[in-house]
Amino acid sequence: MSTQLSAGGAEVTVDQENGCRISSLRIDGTELLRQGPAYGAFPMVPWCGRTENGRFRDGGTVHQLPVNHPPHAIHGFGRDAAWRRVRDTGTEAAFTYDLAEPWPYPGRVTQSVELSADALTLTMGVETYGDSFPAQAGWHPWFRRTLDGGPEARLGFAAAWQEERGADHLPTGRRIDPEPGPWDDCFGMPEGVDVTVTWPGALELRVTSRSEWVVVYDEDPEAVCVEPQSGPPNGLNTLPRLVTPVDPLEISTTWTWRRLP
């Protein structure tokens, strides 16, 4: 089962049965996302990127997550779950997913998808059913490196810093000046994420978010990834953000596009 949204020349497909991922984003008939059941643009929740050795501490308790990308746990459980559609107007839809084992805390995740003729806005919220717990949320889009055989996509952004990446692919805790790609790296943008993906002669797409963290990945020959998220990789351990009964975690991102001559 999937949900279809359309506005102007834009069409979106949400595959709620397969992690509530955006499985297709077409502009004037051109597909922007890498196709396949593991790709599209999926929500990362209740954590983003790698969690070191699948373990995180909450107070005096150490929790062990399944190690799905040895030696770490990666990208959360939401991308593998079936979500439930709770609203669909044709241009906007909302979906929910209940956190459960092996995540150690009960809670609910809500994702809304809103489409206009020149923008897609994704919003995610994480709330608890009981005790407070650390969590993260974000998105992992796989944008096609080329559109219909055209020039390769170009990435444009100005980060305040780059998280130094260790041999284990986790941030070392040291902030460095941004380095040239290729990247599988986390960057800090204190005034909000702002990254442009440009397919010369075809389309420019701008990824923005009020969050200050973004992972940029362009080591794949078929795609480039711009991942706005609420904290850095391994953030359950290094920068925990508590979800409490009165303070849920909320994050949003907007992708705007314009056609190029």
Protein backbone atom coordinates (compact mmCIF):
# COMPACT_ATOMS: atom_id res chain seq x y z
CA MET A 1 0.00 0.00 0.00
CA SER A 2 1.26 3.47 -0.87
CA THR A 3 -0.03 7.03 -0.79
CA GLN A 4 0.06 9.31 -3.83
CA LEU A 5 0.25 13.09 -3.56
CA SER A 6 0.33 15.58 -6.43
CA ALA A 7 0.50 19.34 -6.87
CA GLY A 8 1.18 21.12 -10.14
CA GLY A 9 3.91 19.18 -11.91
CA ALA A 10 5.11 17.48 -8.71
CA GLU A 11 4.19 13.93 -7.69
CA VAL A 12 5.15 12.09 -4.50
CA THR A 13 4.68 8.45 -3.51
CA VAL A 14 4.90 7.48 0.16
CA ASP A 15 5.41 3.78 0.84
CA GLN A 16 4.05 3.56 4.37
CA GLU A 17 4.42 -0.23 4.41
CA ASN A 18 8.17 0.06 3.82
CA GLY A 19 9.37 2.48 6.46
CA CYS A 20 7.12 5.37 5.41
CA ARG A 21 9.78 6.35 2.89
CA ILE A 22 9.28 8.73 0.01
CA SER A 23 9.74 6.11 -2.67
CA SER A 24 9.28 8.55 -5.55
CA LEU A 25 9.54 12.29 -6.12
CA ARG A 26 8.85 13.28 -9.71
CA ILE A 27 9.06 16.80 -11.10
CA ASP A 28 7.47 17.18 -14.54
CA GLY A 29 7.83 13.42 -14.92
CA THR A 30 11.53 13.27 -13.95
CA GLU A 31 12.37 11.02 -10.99
CA LEU A 32 14.73 12.67 -8.46
CA LEU A 33 15.20 9.77 -6.04
CA ARG A 34 17.19 6.59 -6.45
CA GLN A 35 14.77 3.71 -6.89
CA GLY A 36 14.69 0.46 -4.92
CA PRO A 37 13.23 -0.82 -1.63
CA ALA A 38 16.23 0.39 0.42
CA TYR A 39 16.42 3.86 -1.16
CA GLY A 40 14.03 6.73 -1.84
CA ALA A 41 14.06 9.04 1.19
CA PHE A 42 13.47 7.32 4.53
CA PRO A 43 12.95 8.66 8.05
CA MET A 44 15.75 7.97 10.53
CA VAL A 45 14.18 7.43 13.97
CA PRO A 46 14.61 6.98 16.93
CA TRP A 47 18.26 7.63 16.12
CA CYS A 48 20.27 8.89 13.13
CA GLY A 49 23.38 7.45 11.56
CA ARG A 50 25.58 5.13 13.59
CA THR A 51 25.25 4.39 17.31
CA GLU A 52 28.57 3.06 18.58
CA ASN A 53 28.54 -0.72 18.95
CA GLY A 54 24.74 -0.49 19.18
CA ARG A 55 24.92 0.71 22.80
CA PHE A 56 23.71 3.87 24.48
CA ARG A 57 23.39 4.94 28.10
CA ASP A 58 20.33 6.47 29.69
CA GLY A 59 21.24 7.46 33.21
CA GLY A 60 22.69 4.36 34.86
CA THR A 61 21.24 1.94 32.31
CA VAL A 62 23.08 0.77 29.20
CA HIS A 63 20.82 -0.37 26.36
CA GLN A 64 21.93 -2.72 23.58
CA LEU A 65 20.42 -2.23 20.12
CA PRO A 66 20.62 -4.77 17.29
CA VAL A 67 23.89 -4.33 15.40
CA ASN A 68 22.50 -4.00 11.87
CA HIS A 69 25.63 -2.42 10.35
CA PRO A 70 28.55 -4.10 12.18
CA PRO A 71 30.02 -3.01 14.44
CA HIS A 72 27.32 -0.35 14.89
CA ALA A 73 23.56 0.11 14.85
CA ILE A 74 22.49 2.46 12.08
CA HIS A 75 19.57 4.70 11.04
CA GLY A 76 16.92 3.59 13.56
CA PHE A 77 13.96 1.25 13.29
CA GLY A 78 11.42 3.45 11.53
CA ARG A 79 12.75 2.72 8.04
CA ASP A 80 12.01 -1.02 8.49
CA ALA A 81 8.53 -0.70 9.99
CA ALA A 82 5.04 -0.51 8.55
CA TRP A 83 3.45 2.85 9.41
CA ARG A 84 -0.25 3.68 9.60
CA ARG A 85 -1.80 6.40 7.47
CA VAL A 86 -4.00 8.72 9.53
CA ARG A 87 -4.67 11.51 7.03
CA ASP A 88 -4.63 12.01 3.26
CA THR A 89 -5.94 15.08 1.45
CA GLY A 90 -4.25 14.50 -1.91
CA THR A 91 -1.55 17.11 -1.28
CA GLU A 92 -0.79 16.32 2.38
CA ALA A 93 -0.72 13.12 4.41
CA ALA A 94 0.26 12.01 7.92
CA PHE A 95 1.44 8.66 9.27
CA THR A 96 2.20 7.15 12.68
CA TYR A 97 4.48 4.43 13.97
CA ASP A 98 4.57 3.08 17.53
CA LEU A 99 7.99 2.53 19.07
CA ALA A 100 8.32 -0.96 20.53
CA GLU A 101 10.91 -3.66 21.25
CA PRO A 102 13.80 -3.77 20.59
CA TRP A 103 13.60 -0.02 21.31
CA PRO A 104 13.42 0.03 25.12
CA TYR A 105 10.83 2.81 25.50
CA PRO A 106 7.20 3.06 24.39
CA GLY A 107 6.34 6.05 22.26
CA ARG A 108 4.90 7.26 19.00
CA VAL A 109 6.42 8.79 15.88
CA THR A 110 4.35 10.95 13.53
CA GLN A 111 5.47 11.97 10.05
CA SER A 112 3.62 14.43 7.85
CA VAL A 113 4.28 14.97 4.15
CA GLU A 114 3.06 18.17 2.48
CA LEU A 115 3.46 18.83 -1.24
CA SER A 116 3.08 22.00 -3.28
CA ALA A 117 3.98 22.75 -6.88
CA ASP A 118 7.52 23.78 -5.93
CA ALA A 119 8.21 22.34 -2.46
CA LEU A 120 7.99 19.27 -0.27
CA THR A 121 7.86 19.68 3.51
CA LEU A 122 8.49 16.74 5.84
CA THR A 123 7.79 17.01 9.56
CA MET A 124 8.47 14.38 12.22
CA GLY A 125 7.60 14.25 15.90
CA VAL A 126 8.61 11.76 18.59
CA GLU A 127 6.56 11.55 21.79
CA THR A 128 6.73 9.29 24.81
CA TYR A 129 3.97 7.19 26.34
CA GLY A 130 5.71 7.17 29.70
CA ASP A 131 9.29 7.74 30.81
CA SER A 132 11.59 10.27 29.18
CA PHE A 133 14.16 8.86 26.78
CA PRO A 134 16.92 10.11 24.43
CA ALA A 135 16.11 10.07 20.72
CA GLN A 136 17.00 11.51 17.35
CA ALA A 137 15.10 12.01 14.11
CA GLY A 138 15.96 12.99 10.55
CA TRP A 139 15.77 11.95 6.90
CA HIS A 140 18.04 10.07 4.53
CA PRO A 141 17.21 10.97 0.91
CA TRP A 142 19.02 9.29 -1.96
CA PHE A 143 19.03 11.84 -4.78
CA ARG A 144 19.98 10.50 -8.19
CA ARG A 145 23.47 11.52 -9.21
CA THR A 146 22.31 12.16 -12.77
CA LEU A 147 18.91 12.88 -14.26
CA ASP A 148 18.16 11.17 -17.54
CA GLY A 149 21.81 10.99 -18.56
CA GLY A 150 22.58 14.64 -17.86
CA PRO A 151 25.54 16.12 -15.92
CA GLU A 152 26.28 14.91 -12.40
CA ALA A 153 24.67 16.64 -9.46
CA ARG A 154 26.68 19.34 -7.71
CA LEU A 155 26.45 19.97 -3.96
CA GLY A 156 26.64 23.48 -2.55
CA PHE A 157 26.78 24.42 1.15
CA ALA A 158 28.70 26.53 3.64
CA ALA A 159 29.09 24.78 7.00
CA ALA A 160 30.49 26.34 10.16
CA TRP A 161 32.37 23.16 10.96
CA GLN A 162 32.82 19.50 10.11
CA GLU A 163 32.75 16.75 12.70
CA GLU A 164 36.08 14.96 12.44
CA ARG A 165 35.41 11.35 11.43
CA GLY A 166 37.39 8.55 13.05
CA ALA A 167 38.41 5.23 11.53
CA ASP A 168 35.18 3.75 12.99
CA HIS A 169 33.13 6.30 10.96
CA LEU A 170 31.98 8.02 14.16
CA PRO A 171 32.68 11.65 15.08
CA THR A 172 35.74 11.92 17.29
CA GLY A 173 34.32 14.90 19.17
CA ARG A 174 36.70 17.31 17.45
CA ARG A 175 35.36 20.02 15.15
CA ILE A 176 37.47 20.88 12.12
CA ASP A 177 37.22 23.26 9.19
CA PRO A 178 35.10 21.77 6.40
CA GLU A 179 37.17 19.69 4.02
CA PRO A 180 36.57 18.96 0.33
CA GLY A 181 34.70 15.79 -0.60
CA PRO A 182 34.04 13.02 -1.20
CA TRP A 183 32.07 12.94 2.04
CA ASP A 184 30.44 10.62 4.48
CA ASP A 185 30.53 13.32 7.10
CA CYS A 186 28.50 15.39 9.52
CA PHE A 187 28.51 19.18 9.30
CA GLY A 188 27.31 21.88 11.67
CA MET A 189 25.12 24.75 10.47
CA PRO A 190 24.08 26.76 13.56
CA GLU A 191 21.71 28.97 11.57
CA GLY A 192 19.97 25.96 10.02
CA VAL A 193 20.68 23.38 7.36
CA ASP A 194 20.92 24.87 3.87
CA VAL A 195 22.30 22.64 1.10
CA THR A 196 21.71 22.91 -2.64
CA VAL A 197 21.70 19.98 -5.05
CA THR A 198 22.07 21.20 -8.64
CA TRP A 199 21.63 19.13 -11.76
CA PRO A 200 23.05 21.54 -14.37
CA GLY A 201 20.62 22.41 -17.11
CA ALA A 202 17.76 20.59 -15.38
CA LEU A 203 16.90 21.38 -11.78
CA GLU A 204 18.08 22.99 -8.56
CA LEU A 205 16.82 21.54 -5.27
CA ARG A 206 17.44 23.26 -1.93
CA VAL A 207 17.30 21.26 1.33
CA THR A 208 16.64 23.43 4.40
CA SER A 209 15.86 22.74 8.05
CA ARG A 210 15.92 24.67 11.31
CA SER A 211 18.09 21.86 12.67
CA GLU A 212 21.83 22.59 12.72
CA TRP A 213 23.06 19.10 11.79
CA VAL A 214 23.41 17.55 8.35
CA VAL A 215 25.23 14.49 7.05
CA VAL A 216 26.42 14.67 3.45
CA TYR A 217 27.22 11.42 1.66
CA ASP A 218 28.42 11.35 -1.94
CA GLU A 219 30.59 8.23 -2.09
CA ASP A 220 27.92 6.20 -3.92
CA PRO A 221 28.25 6.14 -7.72
CA GLU A 222 24.49 6.30 -8.21
CA ALA A 223 23.36 8.91 -5.68
CA VAL A 224 24.13 11.80 -3.35
CA CYS A 225 22.58 12.14 0.11
CA VAL A 226 21.80 15.26 2.15
CA GLU A 227 20.52 14.19 5.57
CA PRO A 228 19.11 16.85 7.93
CA GLN A 229 18.90 15.45 11.45
CA SER A 230 18.35 16.53 15.04
CA GLY A 231 21.83 15.57 16.23
CA PRO A 232 25.15 14.14 15.06
CA PRO A 233 25.90 10.45 14.48
CA ASN A 234 26.26 8.61 17.80
CA GLY A 235 24.28 11.45 19.33
CA LEU A 236 22.38 9.11 21.69
CA ASN A 237 25.71 8.93 23.52
CA THR A 238 27.37 12.27 22.83
CA LEU A 239 24.50 14.77 22.61
CA PRO A 240 21.34 13.12 23.99
CA ARG A 241 18.10 15.00 23.43
CA LEU A 242 15.46 13.86 25.90
CA VAL A 243 11.89 13.27 24.77
CA THR A 244 9.69 14.05 27.77
CA PRO A 245 5.92 13.98 28.33
CA VAL A 246 5.82 17.78 27.95
CA ASP A 247 8.61 18.22 25.40
CA PRO A 248 8.41 15.95 22.34
CA LEU A 249 11.15 15.94 19.71
CA GLU A 250 10.13 17.79 16.57
CA ILE A 251 12.05 18.34 13.33
CA SER A 252 11.14 19.42 9.82
CA THR A 253 12.80 19.87 6.46
CA THR A 254 11.66 21.60 3.30
CA TRP A 255 12.91 20.83 -0.19
CA THR A 256 12.26 23.55 -2.73
CA TRP A 257 13.09 23.30 -6.40
CA ARG A 258 13.30 25.39 -9.50
CA ARG A 259 13.73 24.38 -13.09
CA LEU A 260 16.92 25.47 -14.82
CA PRO A 261 17.26 26.60 -18.44
